[in-house]
Each structure stands twice: as structure tokens, then as C-alpha cells.
């Protein structure tokens, strides 16, 4: 009887978590609630293996409390000083959009940005690799997939050379997206002092599909392209491959740096002085 009561309460907790704690998309939440209601025991097993992100999100929140606090302070400053933003009158459409994003999306207004748009892999790789070769302080890289082909090898070669010259190189890759990338691909970079972290390779949920590069805290890249020859349109069944990627200079780079750091800290097993210094060093010139 006690076991049945425990399983019943656990099932109720899972349904509450799906809707009110994990904030899953409506269609996903409805699906999991249906499964938990119709197939209670099987549903709990399936949810625990494939659907539950509560532990990951709680760990993410706990490890990033200081960083989130700094972000919240900037957010509040912008909300309070919205009227001081140039060219945004009280009744303008721009002002309404900024106010909406600040209040409902926790989205800080980033100013003074220069943006270049790339639609082809050749453009993106040529520009990004050239900027990486000029890095003096840091290169932070986060990708869903880095393929072990000529593009991936060139990226690791550049990062290795910069790490050998004292540049702080950090790389995050998704464990599932990089299943075919062997550890040997990243070994030269690690031996040069760079750090590479893989997210968990198993499970279909909570995958990291971000594509972020931040160089010296001043140049940022993000968009739809991973690292690999398909984006060069050199694979017959996927050619031509047209995608969109952007290069940023300005305050928007700090937002990319913030996202990278939250993921990096969440994947770190313990705090250290260097990580704490990074929090203060990169945030927030955008305030």
C-alpha cells in the first residue's frame, strides 16, 4: 500500500514538474501528462529517462546564481532607465518592444552593434578563422557538432596554435552531436592547454544546439552553421547548403559571452577563482 501511495504521489509530482517547474513547450507538456495519466508506471520510467530535465535545470540555476544575479541587476537598471535610451520615445513602437522584451523575456537591450551576415559556409569559416588567428586573450567556442573533417581539423589546429601562445581557449561540444568526433581530434588542443568539455552523450532531451564563438570578448559569431564540410556545399546529397550566420561587434557580444559562461559554469564540477574572475571580467559592459 505504501509503495502504491509513493508511486501515485511521484506520478503527480512528475505532472506538476512538467507543467509548472520545467516549463516545457505546450505540445510536449500535454504529451507527457497524457503518458503519465494513461500509463502511470511505464510513463514515469519513460519520463525519468527521456523527459526529465528538472535535475539539470536545478544544477544549472544553482551553479549560475552569481552570474544570474549580475544579469538581473543590469536588467533592472535598463527597465528603470528605459526613457533614457536614445531615439525611443514613450509611445514609440521601439519603446514598446524594448519594454516588452525586458519585462517578459528578460532580454537586455544591446546597443552599438555592428553586424555582418554570412549565408555560405565559405564566408563564415574564412572570416571566423582569420579572426581566431588574431586572438590575443581568449577564444570561447560552443557548437552542437564539430565534424572530424578538414574544417574541424582546421578549427582545432588554429585553436591549438593560439593556446600554445597563451590564449585562453575553452570549447563546449554536445556529446550527441559530436559522437563521431573522437577524443583524438581534441587531444592536441588539450595538450596545448586548451579545455574541451562534452555534454552528456546519451538521452534525447536537453541537447545543446548552440553555435557560439566569442573572441577576446569583442567579436562574436552565432547562427545556424556547425563545423563541417556540409556547410561548404561539398557533400552531393546536401548541396548547395545555404544557412545563416552572423558576426557581431558591440554590446551584443556580451550577451553571447554571458550564454557561453552560463553553460561553462553549469558543466564545471567545482568552482575556482578563475571561473569567478571570468564572471566579473566579461559582465557587463552592456549595462
C-alpha atoms as a PDB file:
ATOM      1  CA  UNK A   1       0.000   0.000   0.000  1.00  0.00           C
ATOM      2  CA  UNK A   2       2.800   2.422   0.920  1.00  0.00           C
ATOM      3  CA  UNK A   3       4.583   1.651  -2.347  1.00  0.00           C
ATOM      4  CA  UNK A   4       1.416   2.349  -4.349  1.00  0.00           C
ATOM      5  CA  UNK A   5       0.904   5.628  -2.489  1.00  0.00           C
ATOM      6  CA  UNK A   6       4.507   6.616  -3.114  1.00  0.00           C
ATOM      7  CA  UNK A   7       4.231   5.853  -6.840  1.00  0.00           C
ATOM      8  CA  UNK A   8       0.951   7.786  -7.034  1.00  0.00           C
ATOM      9  CA  UNK A   9       2.483  10.848  -5.372  1.00  0.00           C
ATOM     10  CA  UNK A  10       5.599  10.550  -7.560  1.00  0.00           C
ATOM     11  CA  UNK A  11       3.420  10.465 -10.661  1.00  0.00           C
ATOM     12  CA  UNK A  12       1.564  13.585  -9.503  1.00  0.00           C
ATOM     13  CA  UNK A  13       4.895  15.301  -8.809  1.00  0.00           C
ATOM     14  CA  UNK A  14       6.128  14.482 -12.341  1.00  0.00           C
ATOM     15  CA  UNK A  15       2.983  16.011 -13.849  1.00  0.00           C
ATOM     16  CA  UNK A  16       3.361  19.155 -11.733  1.00  0.00           C
ATOM     17  CA  UNK A  17       7.020  19.362 -12.713  1.00  0.00           C
ATOM     18  CA  UNK A  18       6.180  19.070 -16.425  1.00  0.00           C
ATOM     19  CA  UNK A  19       3.704  21.955 -16.334  1.00  0.00           C
ATOM     20  CA  UNK A  20       4.803  24.318 -13.579  1.00  0.00           C
ATOM     21  CA  UNK A  21       8.515  23.722 -12.923  1.00  0.00           C
ATOM     22  CA  UNK A  22      10.200  22.693 -16.160  1.00  0.00           C
ATOM     23  CA  UNK A  23       8.061  24.974 -18.358  1.00  0.00           C
ATOM     24  CA  UNK A  24       8.061  22.581 -21.283  1.00  0.00           C
ATOM     25  CA  UNK A  25       6.507  23.575 -24.596  1.00  0.00           C
ATOM     26  CA  UNK A  26       2.697  23.149 -24.547  1.00  0.00           C
ATOM     27  CA  UNK A  27       2.648  20.264 -27.014  1.00  0.00           C
ATOM     28  CA  UNK A  28       5.439  18.442 -25.132  1.00  0.00           C
ATOM     29  CA  UNK A  29       3.795  19.072 -21.751  1.00  0.00           C
ATOM     30  CA  UNK A  30       0.435  17.730 -22.972  1.00  0.00           C
ATOM     31  CA  UNK A  31       2.126  14.616 -24.376  1.00  0.00           C
ATOM     32  CA  UNK A  32       3.955  13.817 -21.130  1.00  0.00           C
ATOM     33  CA  UNK A  33       0.893  14.457 -18.943  1.00  0.00           C
ATOM     34  CA  UNK A  34      -1.123  12.124 -21.193  1.00  0.00           C
ATOM     35  CA  UNK A  35       1.547   9.397 -20.974  1.00  0.00           C
ATOM     36  CA  UNK A  36       1.775   9.754 -17.176  1.00  0.00           C
ATOM     37  CA  UNK A  37      -2.005   9.565 -16.804  1.00  0.00           C
ATOM     38  CA  UNK A  38      -2.646   6.646 -19.163  1.00  0.00           C
ATOM     39  CA  UNK A  39       0.470   4.579 -18.434  1.00  0.00           C
ATOM     40  CA  UNK A  40       1.475   5.614 -14.871  1.00  0.00           C
ATOM     41  CA  UNK A  41       4.317   3.191 -14.180  1.00  0.00           C
ATOM     42  CA  UNK A  42       5.681   2.976 -17.725  1.00  0.00           C
ATOM     43  CA  UNK A  43       5.151   6.709 -18.118  1.00  0.00           C
ATOM     44  CA  UNK A  44       7.286   7.510 -15.067  1.00  0.00           C
ATOM     45  CA  UNK A  45      10.093   5.302 -16.358  1.00  0.00           C
ATOM     46  CA  UNK A  46       9.964   6.885 -19.827  1.00  0.00           C
ATOM     47  CA  UNK A  47       9.812  10.380 -18.356  1.00  0.00           C
ATOM     48  CA  UNK A  48      12.731   9.761 -15.994  1.00  0.00           C
ATOM     49  CA  UNK A  49      14.881   8.503 -18.889  1.00  0.00           C
ATOM     50  CA  UNK A  50      13.816  10.709 -21.783  1.00  0.00           C
ATOM     51  CA  UNK A  51      11.877  13.695 -20.491  1.00  0.00           C
ATOM     52  CA  UNK A  52      13.019  14.833 -17.059  1.00  0.00           C
ATOM     53  CA  UNK A  53      15.240  17.932 -17.089  1.00  0.00           C
ATOM     54  CA  UNK A  54      14.496  19.096 -13.538  1.00  0.00           C
ATOM     55  CA  UNK A  55      17.824  17.963 -12.054  1.00  0.00           C
ATOM     56  CA  UNK A  56      19.786  19.539 -14.898  1.00  0.00           C
ATOM     57  CA  UNK A  57      17.905  22.827 -14.649  1.00  0.00           C
ATOM     58  CA  UNK A  58      18.255  22.973 -10.858  1.00  0.00           C
ATOM     59  CA  UNK A  59      22.006  22.338 -11.186  1.00  0.00           C
ATOM     60  CA  UNK A  60      22.210  24.996 -13.903  1.00  0.00           C
ATOM     61  CA  UNK A  61      20.422  27.518 -11.659  1.00  0.00           C
ATOM     62  CA  UNK A  62      22.474  26.671  -8.546  1.00  0.00           C
ATOM     63  CA  UNK A  63      25.854  26.986 -10.241  1.00  0.00           C
ATOM     64  CA  UNK A  64      24.944  30.201 -12.022  1.00  0.00           C
ATOM     65  CA  UNK A  65      23.365  32.139  -9.138  1.00  0.00           C
ATOM     66  CA  UNK A  66      26.072  34.809  -9.091  1.00  0.00           C
ATOM     67  CA  UNK A  67      26.017  35.255 -12.857  1.00  0.00           C
ATOM     68  CA  UNK A  68      22.218  35.378 -12.929  1.00  0.00           C
ATOM     69  CA  UNK A  69      22.271  37.968 -10.146  1.00  0.00           C
ATOM     70  CA  UNK A  70      24.627  40.199 -12.155  1.00  0.00           C
ATOM     71  CA  UNK A  71      22.370  39.817 -15.194  1.00  0.00           C
ATOM     72  CA  UNK A  72      19.265  40.652 -13.142  1.00  0.00           C
ATOM     73  CA  UNK A  73      20.905  43.833 -11.862  1.00  0.00           C
ATOM     74  CA  UNK A  74      21.562  45.024 -15.410  1.00  0.00           C
ATOM     75  CA  UNK A  75      18.037  44.063 -16.392  1.00  0.00           C
ATOM     76  CA  UNK A  76      16.530  46.165 -13.605  1.00  0.00           C
ATOM     77  CA  UNK A  77      18.734  49.146 -14.455  1.00  0.00           C
ATOM     78  CA  UNK A  78      17.516  49.051 -18.045  1.00  0.00           C
ATOM     79  CA  UNK A  79      13.880  48.765 -17.014  1.00  0.00           C
ATOM     80  CA  UNK A  80      14.258  51.782 -14.721  1.00  0.00           C
ATOM     81  CA  UNK A  81      16.140  53.879 -17.270  1.00  0.00           C
ATOM     82  CA  UNK A  82      14.194  52.931 -20.399  1.00  0.00           C
ATOM     83  CA  UNK A  83      13.240  56.533 -21.068  1.00  0.00           C
ATOM     84  CA  UNK A  84      16.912  57.484 -21.277  1.00  0.00           C
ATOM     85  CA  UNK A  85      17.564  55.191 -24.258  1.00  0.00           C
ATOM     86  CA  UNK A  86      18.193  57.437 -27.306  1.00  0.00           C
ATOM     87  CA  UNK A  87      15.529  57.538 -30.030  1.00  0.00           C
ATOM     88  CA  UNK A  88      12.974  55.587 -28.013  1.00  0.00           C
ATOM     89  CA  UNK A  89      10.056  57.806 -27.100  1.00  0.00           C
ATOM     90  CA  UNK A  90       7.392  56.820 -24.607  1.00  0.00           C
ATOM     91  CA  UNK A  91       4.800  55.993 -27.240  1.00  0.00           C
ATOM     92  CA  UNK A  92       7.070  54.651 -29.983  1.00  0.00           C
ATOM     93  CA  UNK A  93       6.876  51.097 -31.303  1.00  0.00           C
ATOM     94  CA  UNK A  94      10.562  50.668 -30.468  1.00  0.00           C
ATOM     95  CA  UNK A  95       9.971  51.621 -26.854  1.00  0.00           C
ATOM     96  CA  UNK A  96       7.105  49.143 -26.543  1.00  0.00           C
ATOM     97  CA  UNK A  97       9.210  46.327 -27.999  1.00  0.00           C
ATOM     98  CA  UNK A  98      12.131  47.076 -25.681  1.00  0.00           C
ATOM     99  CA  UNK A  99       9.844  47.267 -22.642  1.00  0.00           C
ATOM    100  CA  UNK A 100       8.098  44.007 -23.596  1.00  0.00           C
ATOM    101  CA  UNK A 101      11.389  42.119 -24.028  1.00  0.00           C
ATOM    102  CA  UNK A 102      12.807  43.474 -20.786  1.00  0.00           C
ATOM    103  CA  UNK A 103       9.740  42.597 -18.722  1.00  0.00           C
ATOM    104  CA  UNK A 104       8.602  39.324 -20.273  1.00  0.00           C
ATOM    105  CA  UNK A 105      11.697  37.773 -21.848  1.00  0.00           C
ATOM    106  CA  UNK A 106      14.444  39.074 -19.537  1.00  0.00           C
ATOM    107  CA  UNK A 107      16.078  40.281 -22.744  1.00  0.00           C
ATOM    108  CA  UNK A 108      18.537  43.133 -22.236  1.00  0.00           C
ATOM    109  CA  UNK A 109      18.787  45.813 -24.905  1.00  0.00           C
ATOM    110  CA  UNK A 110      22.227  45.628 -26.510  1.00  0.00           C
ATOM    111  CA  UNK A 111      23.389  48.808 -28.229  1.00  0.00           C
ATOM    112  CA  UNK A 112      26.249  49.968 -30.506  1.00  0.00           C
ATOM    113  CA  UNK A 113      26.314  46.793 -32.586  1.00  0.00           C
ATOM    114  CA  UNK A 114      27.850  46.151 -35.986  1.00  0.00           C
ATOM    115  CA  UNK A 115      26.530  43.020 -37.697  1.00  0.00           C
ATOM    116  CA  UNK A 116      27.729  41.156 -40.780  1.00  0.00           C
ATOM    117  CA  UNK A 117      25.602  38.365 -42.269  1.00  0.00           C
ATOM    118  CA  UNK A 118      27.012  35.204 -43.851  1.00  0.00           C
ATOM    119  CA  UNK A 119      24.839  32.891 -45.942  1.00  0.00           C
ATOM    120  CA  UNK A 120      27.503  30.410 -47.030  1.00  0.00           C
ATOM    121  CA  UNK A 121      29.980  28.315 -45.101  1.00  0.00           C
ATOM    122  CA  UNK A 122      32.988  29.542 -47.074  1.00  0.00           C
ATOM    123  CA  UNK A 123      32.274  33.120 -45.984  1.00  0.00           C
ATOM    124  CA  UNK A 124      31.748  32.237 -42.344  1.00  0.00           C
ATOM    125  CA  UNK A 125      34.771  29.971 -41.947  1.00  0.00           C
ATOM    126  CA  UNK A 126      37.162  32.315 -43.749  1.00  0.00           C
ATOM    127  CA  UNK A 127      36.142  35.288 -41.622  1.00  0.00           C
ATOM    128  CA  UNK A 128      35.923  33.415 -38.305  1.00  0.00           C
ATOM    129  CA  UNK A 129      39.201  31.526 -38.717  1.00  0.00           C
ATOM    130  CA  UNK A 130      41.008  34.752 -39.639  1.00  0.00           C
ATOM    131  CA  UNK A 131      39.642  36.448 -36.507  1.00  0.00           C
ATOM    132  CA  UNK A 132      40.670  33.463 -34.365  1.00  0.00           C
ATOM    133  CA  UNK A 133      44.238  33.649 -35.677  1.00  0.00           C
ATOM    134  CA  UNK A 134      44.398  37.223 -34.394  1.00  0.00           C
ATOM    135  CA  UNK A 135      43.095  36.401 -30.888  1.00  0.00           C
ATOM    136  CA  UNK A 136      45.249  37.716 -28.039  1.00  0.00           C
ATOM    137  CA  UNK A 137      43.273  36.941 -24.864  1.00  0.00           C
ATOM    138  CA  UNK A 138      40.571  34.320 -25.245  1.00  0.00           C
ATOM    139  CA  UNK A 139      38.603  32.173 -27.663  1.00  0.00           C
ATOM    140  CA  UNK A 140      35.392  30.615 -26.372  1.00  0.00           C
ATOM    141  CA  UNK A 141      33.726  28.090 -28.678  1.00  0.00           C
ATOM    142  CA  UNK A 142      30.387  26.291 -28.293  1.00  0.00           C
ATOM    143  CA  UNK A 143      28.969  24.030 -31.010  1.00  0.00           C
ATOM    144  CA  UNK A 144      26.463  21.226 -31.315  1.00  0.00           C
ATOM    145  CA  UNK A 145      28.686  19.445 -33.845  1.00  0.00           C
ATOM    146  CA  UNK A 146      32.349  19.690 -34.819  1.00  0.00           C
ATOM    147  CA  UNK A 147      32.949  17.112 -37.538  1.00  0.00           C
ATOM    148  CA  UNK A 148      36.355  15.389 -37.738  1.00  0.00           C
ATOM    149  CA  UNK A 149      36.845  16.511 -41.343  1.00  0.00           C
ATOM    150  CA  UNK A 150      39.079  19.159 -42.891  1.00  0.00           C
ATOM    151  CA  UNK A 151      37.014  22.016 -41.444  1.00  0.00           C
ATOM    152  CA  UNK A 152      37.002  20.577 -37.929  1.00  0.00           C
ATOM    153  CA  UNK A 153      40.719  19.797 -38.119  1.00  0.00           C
ATOM    154  CA  UNK A 154      41.497  23.334 -39.284  1.00  0.00           C
ATOM    155  CA  UNK A 155      39.485  24.772 -36.377  1.00  0.00           C
ATOM    156  CA  UNK A 156      41.322  22.613 -33.828  1.00  0.00           C
ATOM    157  CA  UNK A 157      44.664  23.450 -35.445  1.00  0.00           C
ATOM    158  CA  UNK A 158      44.003  27.184 -35.087  1.00  0.00           C
ATOM    159  CA  UNK A 159      42.798  26.825 -31.500  1.00  0.00           C
ATOM    160  CA  UNK A 160      45.832  24.698 -30.637  1.00  0.00           C
ATOM    161  CA  UNK A 161      48.239  27.265 -32.066  1.00  0.00           C
ATOM    162  CA  UNK A 162      46.551  30.075 -30.130  1.00  0.00           C
ATOM    163  CA  UNK A 163      46.560  28.039 -26.909  1.00  0.00           C
ATOM    164  CA  UNK A 164      50.283  27.404 -27.343  1.00  0.00           C
ATOM    165  CA  UNK A 165      50.714  31.184 -27.488  1.00  0.00           C
ATOM    166  CA  UNK A 166      48.965  31.760 -24.167  1.00  0.00           C
ATOM    167  CA  UNK A 167      45.417  32.440 -25.383  1.00  0.00           C
ATOM    168  CA  UNK A 168      42.694  31.093 -23.074  1.00  0.00           C
ATOM    169  CA  UNK A 169      40.829  28.537 -25.205  1.00  0.00           C
ATOM    170  CA  UNK A 170      37.611  26.927 -23.984  1.00  0.00           C
ATOM    171  CA  UNK A 171      35.432  24.620 -26.074  1.00  0.00           C
ATOM    172  CA  UNK A 172      31.986  23.151 -25.361  1.00  0.00           C
ATOM    173  CA  UNK A 173      30.552  20.490 -27.662  1.00  0.00           C
ATOM    174  CA  UNK A 174      27.361  18.488 -27.468  1.00  0.00           C
ATOM    175  CA  UNK A 175      28.085  14.875 -26.603  1.00  0.00           C
ATOM    176  CA  UNK A 176      25.474  13.539 -29.029  1.00  0.00           C
ATOM    177  CA  UNK A 177      26.201  15.957 -31.867  1.00  0.00           C
ATOM    178  CA  UNK A 178      29.909  15.110 -31.642  1.00  0.00           C
ATOM    179  CA  UNK A 179      29.581  11.336 -31.296  1.00  0.00           C
ATOM    180  CA  UNK A 180      31.642  10.812 -34.451  1.00  0.00           C
ATOM    181  CA  UNK A 181      34.346  13.236 -33.301  1.00  0.00           C
ATOM    182  CA  UNK A 182      36.955  11.126 -31.465  1.00  0.00           C
ATOM    183  CA  UNK A 183      38.862  12.392 -28.455  1.00  0.00           C
ATOM    184  CA  UNK A 184      41.993  12.274 -30.606  1.00  0.00           C
ATOM    185  CA  UNK A 185      40.614  15.231 -32.579  1.00  0.00           C
ATOM    186  CA  UNK A 186      40.806  17.416 -29.482  1.00  0.00           C
ATOM    187  CA  UNK A 187      43.978  15.895 -27.969  1.00  0.00           C
ATOM    188  CA  UNK A 188      46.435  18.447 -29.496  1.00  0.00           C
ATOM    189  CA  UNK A 189      44.309  21.297 -28.140  1.00  0.00           C
ATOM    190  CA  UNK A 190      44.165  19.795 -24.665  1.00  0.00           C
ATOM    191  CA  UNK A 191      47.921  19.172 -24.689  1.00  0.00           C
ATOM    192  CA  UNK A 192      48.433  22.839 -25.612  1.00  0.00           C
ATOM    193  CA  UNK A 193      46.454  23.966 -22.556  1.00  0.00           C
ATOM    194  CA  UNK A 194      43.003  24.346 -24.066  1.00  0.00           C
ATOM    195  CA  UNK A 195      39.981  22.895 -22.278  1.00  0.00           C
ATOM    196  CA  UNK A 196      37.295  20.879 -24.059  1.00  0.00           C
ATOM    197  CA  UNK A 197      34.042  19.813 -22.405  1.00  0.00           C
ATOM    198  CA  UNK A 198      31.473  17.433 -23.837  1.00  0.00           C
ATOM    199  CA  UNK A 199      27.897  17.433 -22.603  1.00  0.00           C
ATOM    200  CA  UNK A 200      26.385  14.051 -21.778  1.00  0.00           C
ATOM    201  CA  UNK A 201      26.190  11.926 -24.962  1.00  0.00           C
ATOM    202  CA  UNK A 202      23.103   9.911 -24.008  1.00  0.00           C
ATOM    203  CA  UNK A 203      19.458  10.917 -23.901  1.00  0.00           C
ATOM    204  CA  UNK A 204      17.326  12.671 -26.485  1.00  0.00           C
ATOM    205  CA  UNK A 205      16.426  15.716 -24.393  1.00  0.00           C
ATOM    206  CA  UNK A 206      18.258  18.827 -23.205  1.00  0.00           C
ATOM    207  CA  UNK A 207      20.711  18.776 -26.082  1.00  0.00           C
ATOM    208  CA  UNK A 208      22.942  21.804 -26.695  1.00  0.00           C
ATOM    209  CA  UNK A 209      22.344  23.123 -30.208  1.00  0.00           C
ATOM    210  CA  UNK A 210      24.094  26.450 -29.673  1.00  0.00           C
ATOM    211  CA  UNK A 211      26.653  27.756 -32.124  1.00  0.00           C
ATOM    212  CA  UNK A 212      28.646  30.461 -30.344  1.00  0.00           C
ATOM    213  CA  UNK A 213      32.159  31.813 -30.760  1.00  0.00           C
ATOM    214  CA  UNK A 214      33.479  34.766 -28.755  1.00  0.00           C
ATOM    215  CA  UNK A 215      36.973  36.103 -29.480  1.00  0.00           C
ATOM    216  CA  UNK A 216      38.727  38.348 -26.953  1.00  0.00           C
ATOM    217  CA  UNK A 217      35.298  39.311 -25.610  1.00  0.00           C
ATOM    218  CA  UNK A 218      34.999  41.688 -28.589  1.00  0.00           C
ATOM    219  CA  UNK A 219      33.947  39.644 -31.639  1.00  0.00           C
ATOM    220  CA  UNK A 220      31.050  37.206 -31.614  1.00  0.00           C
ATOM    221  CA  UNK A 221      29.656  34.660 -34.085  1.00  0.00           C
ATOM    222  CA  UNK A 222      26.325  32.847 -33.880  1.00  0.00           C
ATOM    223  CA  UNK A 223      23.753  31.378 -36.225  1.00  0.00           C
ATOM    224  CA  UNK A 224      22.803  28.113 -37.860  1.00  0.00           C
ATOM    225  CA  UNK A 225      26.092  26.628 -39.060  1.00  0.00           C
ATOM    226  CA  UNK A 226      28.025  23.966 -37.193  1.00  0.00           C
ATOM    227  CA  UNK A 227      31.588  22.979 -38.121  1.00  0.00           C
ATOM    228  CA  UNK A 228      31.913  20.615 -41.095  1.00  0.00           C
ATOM    229  CA  UNK A 229      32.210  20.280 -44.854  1.00  0.00           C
ATOM    230  CA  UNK A 230      28.429  20.021 -45.480  1.00  0.00           C
ATOM    231  CA  UNK A 231      28.308  23.796 -44.930  1.00  0.00           C
ATOM    232  CA  UNK A 232      30.865  24.182 -47.746  1.00  0.00           C
ATOM    233  CA  UNK A 233      28.359  22.519 -50.120  1.00  0.00           C
ATOM    234  CA  UNK A 234      30.885  19.742 -50.792  1.00  0.00           C
ATOM    235  CA  UNK A 235      28.522  16.876 -49.941  1.00  0.00           C
ATOM    236  CA  UNK A 236      26.482  15.902 -53.004  1.00  0.00           C
ATOM    237  CA  UNK A 237      23.305  14.899 -51.190  1.00  0.00           C
ATOM    238  CA  UNK A 238      23.276  18.164 -49.215  1.00  0.00           C
ATOM    239  CA  UNK A 239      24.471  20.628 -51.806  1.00  0.00           C
ATOM    240  CA  UNK A 240      24.161  23.542 -52.031  1.00  0.00           C
ATOM    241  CA  UNK A 241      23.814  24.188 -48.287  1.00  0.00           C
ATOM    242  CA  UNK A 242      22.510  27.659 -47.591  1.00  0.00           C
ATOM    243  CA  UNK A 243      22.386  28.751 -43.944  1.00  0.00           C
ATOM    244  CA  UNK A 244      22.635  31.979 -41.972  1.00  0.00           C
ATOM    245  CA  UNK A 245      25.344  33.051 -39.547  1.00  0.00           C
ATOM    246  CA  UNK A 246      26.201  36.484 -38.158  1.00  0.00           C
ATOM    247  CA  UNK A 247      29.301  38.240 -36.899  1.00  0.00           C
ATOM    248  CA  UNK A 248      28.884  40.885 -34.205  1.00  0.00           C
ATOM    249  CA  UNK A 249      30.908  43.662 -32.706  1.00  0.00           C
ATOM    250  CA  UNK A 250      29.426  45.743 -29.900  1.00  0.00           C
ATOM    251  CA  UNK A 251      27.377  45.112 -26.789  1.00  0.00           C
ATOM    252  CA  UNK A 252      25.656  42.091 -28.338  1.00  0.00           C
ATOM    253  CA  UNK A 253      28.912  40.166 -27.905  1.00  0.00           C
ATOM    254  CA  UNK A 254      28.470  40.380 -24.128  1.00  0.00           C
ATOM    255  CA  UNK A 255      25.173  38.513 -24.435  1.00  0.00           C
ATOM    256  CA  UNK A 256      26.923  35.693 -26.304  1.00  0.00           C
ATOM    257  CA  UNK A 257      29.681  35.683 -23.683  1.00  0.00           C
ATOM    258  CA  UNK A 258      27.073  35.501 -20.928  1.00  0.00           C
ATOM    259  CA  UNK A 259      25.349  32.493 -22.521  1.00  0.00           C
ATOM    260  CA  UNK A 260      28.665  30.709 -23.030  1.00  0.00           C
ATOM    261  CA  UNK A 261      29.708  31.309 -19.417  1.00  0.00           C
ATOM    262  CA  UNK A 262      26.415  30.037 -18.007  1.00  0.00           C
ATOM    263  CA  UNK A 263      26.878  26.791 -19.931  1.00  0.00           C
ATOM    264  CA  UNK A 264      30.558  26.549 -18.988  1.00  0.00           C
ATOM    265  CA  UNK A 265      29.879  27.072 -15.288  1.00  0.00           C
ATOM    266  CA  UNK A 266      26.958  24.615 -15.348  1.00  0.00           C
ATOM    267  CA  UNK A 267      29.301  21.952 -16.769  1.00  0.00           C
ATOM    268  CA  UNK A 268      32.036  22.670 -14.200  1.00  0.00           C
ATOM    269  CA  UNK A 269      32.207  20.247 -11.300  1.00  0.00           C
ATOM    270  CA  UNK A 270      33.642  22.742  -8.843  1.00  0.00           C
ATOM    271  CA  UNK A 271      34.118  26.469  -8.514  1.00  0.00           C
ATOM    272  CA  UNK A 272      37.522  28.028  -8.849  1.00  0.00           C
ATOM    273  CA  UNK A 273      38.973  31.525  -8.681  1.00  0.00           C
ATOM    274  CA  UNK A 274      39.493  31.685 -12.435  1.00  0.00           C
ATOM    275  CA  UNK A 275      35.816  30.994 -13.112  1.00  0.00           C
ATOM    276  CA  UNK A 276      34.761  33.657 -10.602  1.00  0.00           C
ATOM    277  CA  UNK A 277      37.114  36.177 -12.210  1.00  0.00           C
ATOM    278  CA  UNK A 278      35.631  35.413 -15.638  1.00  0.00           C
ATOM    279  CA  UNK A 279      32.176  36.328 -14.336  1.00  0.00           C
ATOM    280  CA  UNK A 280      33.375  39.755 -13.307  1.00  0.00           C
ATOM    281  CA  UNK A 281      35.678  40.288 -16.281  1.00  0.00           C
ATOM    282  CA  UNK A 282      33.152  39.808 -19.055  1.00  0.00           C
ATOM    283  CA  UNK A 283      29.933  41.172 -17.486  1.00  0.00           C
ATOM    284  CA  UNK A 284      28.521  43.635 -18.106  1.00  0.00           C
ATOM    285  CA  UNK A 285      29.841  46.402 -20.267  1.00  0.00           C
ATOM    286  CA  UNK A 286      26.394  46.388 -21.835  1.00  0.00           C
ATOM    287  CA  UNK A 287      24.899  47.998 -18.730  1.00  0.00           C
END
